């Protein structure tokens, strides 16, 4: 089942701040589309990596080896909500996602 993709209103700001090239934006869109076909956690046969501790219930995937995309599933509505896109090496992604949940 393919999930409908929704974006948190701040994701556009994330993308602008990261200064993605057009090629990166196309790759990101393809990766999100690909993940949306099976966004469940890997433990359930999906492609997402579950987060732990305070972020339990959220999932992530890596993009372009340097970036992390954190998302939330609303299974009963079939929605995959992209919450934040940030640098993989920057722990600020996890601090920020707490406020956006």
C-alpha atoms as a PDB file:
ATOM      1  CA  UNK A   1       0.000   0.000   0.000  1.00  0.00           C
ATOM      2  CA  UNK A   2       1.412   3.375  -0.984  1.00  0.00           C
ATOM      3  CA  UNK A   3       1.078   6.094   1.630  1.00  0.00           C
ATOM      4  CA  UNK A   4       0.063   9.656   0.763  1.00  0.00           C
ATOM      5  CA  UNK A   5       2.957  12.044   1.375  1.00  0.00           C
ATOM      6  CA  UNK A   6       2.465  15.184   3.435  1.00  0.00           C
ATOM      7  CA  UNK A   7       5.107  17.693   4.485  1.00  0.00           C
ATOM      8  CA  UNK A   8       5.351  19.691   7.676  1.00  0.00           C
ATOM      9  CA  UNK A   9       5.114  23.411   6.875  1.00  0.00           C
ATOM     10  CA  UNK A  10       8.753  23.947   7.990  1.00  0.00           C
ATOM     11  CA  UNK A  11      10.244  21.406   5.543  1.00  0.00           C
ATOM     12  CA  UNK A  12      10.471  24.025   2.773  1.00  0.00           C
ATOM     13  CA  UNK A  13      12.652  26.117   5.108  1.00  0.00           C
ATOM     14  CA  UNK A  14      14.797  23.052   5.816  1.00  0.00           C
ATOM     15  CA  UNK A  15      15.387  22.530   2.104  1.00  0.00           C
ATOM     16  CA  UNK A  16      16.225  26.192   1.507  1.00  0.00           C
ATOM     17  CA  UNK A  17      18.638  26.214   4.441  1.00  0.00           C
ATOM     18  CA  UNK A  18      20.415  23.117   3.111  1.00  0.00           C
ATOM     19  CA  UNK A  19      20.696  24.756  -0.338  1.00  0.00           C
ATOM     20  CA  UNK A  20      19.871  21.628  -2.343  1.00  0.00           C
ATOM     21  CA  UNK A  21      20.684  21.697  -6.030  1.00  0.00           C
ATOM     22  CA  UNK A  22      17.958  20.860  -8.555  1.00  0.00           C
ATOM     23  CA  UNK A  23      19.500  17.412  -8.984  1.00  0.00           C
ATOM     24  CA  UNK A  24      19.380  16.813  -5.229  1.00  0.00           C
ATOM     25  CA  UNK A  25      15.751  17.929  -5.113  1.00  0.00           C
ATOM     26  CA  UNK A  26      14.851  15.459  -7.853  1.00  0.00           C
ATOM     27  CA  UNK A  27      16.711  12.669  -6.034  1.00  0.00           C
ATOM     28  CA  UNK A  28      15.008  13.583  -2.766  1.00  0.00           C
ATOM     29  CA  UNK A  29      11.581  13.494  -4.382  1.00  0.00           C
ATOM     30  CA  UNK A  30      12.306  10.073  -5.897  1.00  0.00           C
ATOM     31  CA  UNK A  31      13.593   8.741  -2.569  1.00  0.00           C
ATOM     32  CA  UNK A  32      10.505   9.985  -0.697  1.00  0.00           C
ATOM     33  CA  UNK A  33       8.242   8.452  -3.367  1.00  0.00           C
ATOM     34  CA  UNK A  34      10.135   5.166  -3.099  1.00  0.00           C
ATOM     35  CA  UNK A  35       9.931   5.073   0.704  1.00  0.00           C
ATOM     36  CA  UNK A  36       6.208   5.964   0.615  1.00  0.00           C
ATOM     37  CA  UNK A  37       5.528   2.630  -1.094  1.00  0.00           C
ATOM     38  CA  UNK A  38       6.689   0.809   2.035  1.00  0.00           C
ATOM     39  CA  UNK A  39       7.387   3.285   4.881  1.00  0.00           C
ATOM     40  CA  UNK A  40       6.956   0.792   7.701  1.00  0.00           C
ATOM     41  CA  UNK A  41       9.880  -0.015  10.014  1.00  0.00           C
ATOM     42  CA  UNK A  42      12.453  -2.504   8.752  1.00  0.00           C
ATOM     43  CA  UNK A  43      11.345  -4.875  11.516  1.00  0.00           C
ATOM     44  CA  UNK A  44       7.959  -5.049   9.739  1.00  0.00           C
ATOM     45  CA  UNK A  45       9.413  -5.495   6.267  1.00  0.00           C
ATOM     46  CA  UNK A  46       9.501  -1.784   5.448  1.00  0.00           C
ATOM     47  CA  UNK A  47      12.216   0.700   4.559  1.00  0.00           C
ATOM     48  CA  UNK A  48      12.150   3.007   7.609  1.00  0.00           C
ATOM     49  CA  UNK A  49      14.479   2.966  10.581  1.00  0.00           C
ATOM     50  CA  UNK A  50      12.620   3.514  13.867  1.00  0.00           C
ATOM     51  CA  UNK A  51      13.810   6.188  16.268  1.00  0.00           C
ATOM     52  CA  UNK A  52      14.084   5.516  19.986  1.00  0.00           C
ATOM     53  CA  UNK A  53      13.625   7.105  23.376  1.00  0.00           C
ATOM     54  CA  UNK A  54      11.737  10.426  23.231  1.00  0.00           C
ATOM     55  CA  UNK A  55      11.282  10.046  19.467  1.00  0.00           C
ATOM     56  CA  UNK A  56       9.715   6.603  19.601  1.00  0.00           C
ATOM     57  CA  UNK A  57       6.978   6.321  16.992  1.00  0.00           C
ATOM     58  CA  UNK A  58       8.935   8.286  14.395  1.00  0.00           C
ATOM     59  CA  UNK A  59      10.987   6.829  11.568  1.00  0.00           C
ATOM     60  CA  UNK A  60      13.921   8.002   9.495  1.00  0.00           C
ATOM     61  CA  UNK A  61      15.801   7.295   6.323  1.00  0.00           C
ATOM     62  CA  UNK A  62      19.037   8.573   4.914  1.00  0.00           C
ATOM     63  CA  UNK A  63      19.253  10.594   1.765  1.00  0.00           C
ATOM     64  CA  UNK A  64      22.404  11.189  -0.252  1.00  0.00           C
ATOM     65  CA  UNK A  65      24.529   9.832   2.662  1.00  0.00           C
ATOM     66  CA  UNK A  66      24.683  13.281   4.290  1.00  0.00           C
ATOM     67  CA  UNK A  67      21.053  13.959   5.105  1.00  0.00           C
ATOM     68  CA  UNK A  68      18.405  12.466   7.324  1.00  0.00           C
ATOM     69  CA  UNK A  69      14.661  12.598   6.729  1.00  0.00           C
ATOM     70  CA  UNK A  70      12.423  12.013   9.769  1.00  0.00           C
ATOM     71  CA  UNK A  71       8.794  11.110   9.244  1.00  0.00           C
ATOM     72  CA  UNK A  72       5.687   9.949  11.051  1.00  0.00           C
ATOM     73  CA  UNK A  73       3.135   7.420   9.855  1.00  0.00           C
ATOM     74  CA  UNK A  74      -0.575   7.912  10.321  1.00  0.00           C
ATOM     75  CA  UNK A  75      -1.444   4.331   9.431  1.00  0.00           C
ATOM     76  CA  UNK A  76      -5.223   4.568   9.756  1.00  0.00           C
ATOM     77  CA  UNK A  77      -5.261   7.412   7.183  1.00  0.00           C
ATOM     78  CA  UNK A  78      -2.439   6.080   5.013  1.00  0.00           C
ATOM     79  CA  UNK A  79      -0.311   9.224   5.473  1.00  0.00           C
ATOM     80  CA  UNK A  80       3.471   9.511   5.608  1.00  0.00           C
ATOM     81  CA  UNK A  81       4.222  12.954   7.083  1.00  0.00           C
ATOM     82  CA  UNK A  82       7.734  14.282   6.487  1.00  0.00           C
ATOM     83  CA  UNK A  83       8.601  16.229   9.639  1.00  0.00           C
ATOM     84  CA  UNK A  84      12.173  17.395   9.085  1.00  0.00           C
ATOM     85  CA  UNK A  85      15.095  17.141   6.673  1.00  0.00           C
ATOM     86  CA  UNK A  86      18.535  17.879   8.048  1.00  0.00           C
ATOM     87  CA  UNK A  87      22.192  17.057   8.045  1.00  0.00           C
ATOM     88  CA  UNK A  88      22.919  13.556   9.248  1.00  0.00           C
ATOM     89  CA  UNK A  89      25.899  14.667  11.348  1.00  0.00           C
ATOM     90  CA  UNK A  90      23.902  17.408  13.076  1.00  0.00           C
ATOM     91  CA  UNK A  91      22.035  16.282  16.202  1.00  0.00           C
ATOM     92  CA  UNK A  92      19.931  19.439  15.885  1.00  0.00           C
ATOM     93  CA  UNK A  93      17.629  17.388  13.629  1.00  0.00           C
ATOM     94  CA  UNK A  94      16.517  15.334  16.621  1.00  0.00           C
ATOM     95  CA  UNK A  95      16.119  18.346  18.910  1.00  0.00           C
ATOM     96  CA  UNK A  96      14.037  20.186  16.310  1.00  0.00           C
ATOM     97  CA  UNK A  97      11.802  17.225  15.492  1.00  0.00           C
ATOM     98  CA  UNK A  98      10.609  17.202  19.105  1.00  0.00           C
ATOM     99  CA  UNK A  99       8.949  20.592  18.544  1.00  0.00           C
ATOM    100  CA  UNK A 100       7.441  19.648  15.188  1.00  0.00           C
ATOM    101  CA  UNK A 101       5.781  16.373  16.124  1.00  0.00           C
END
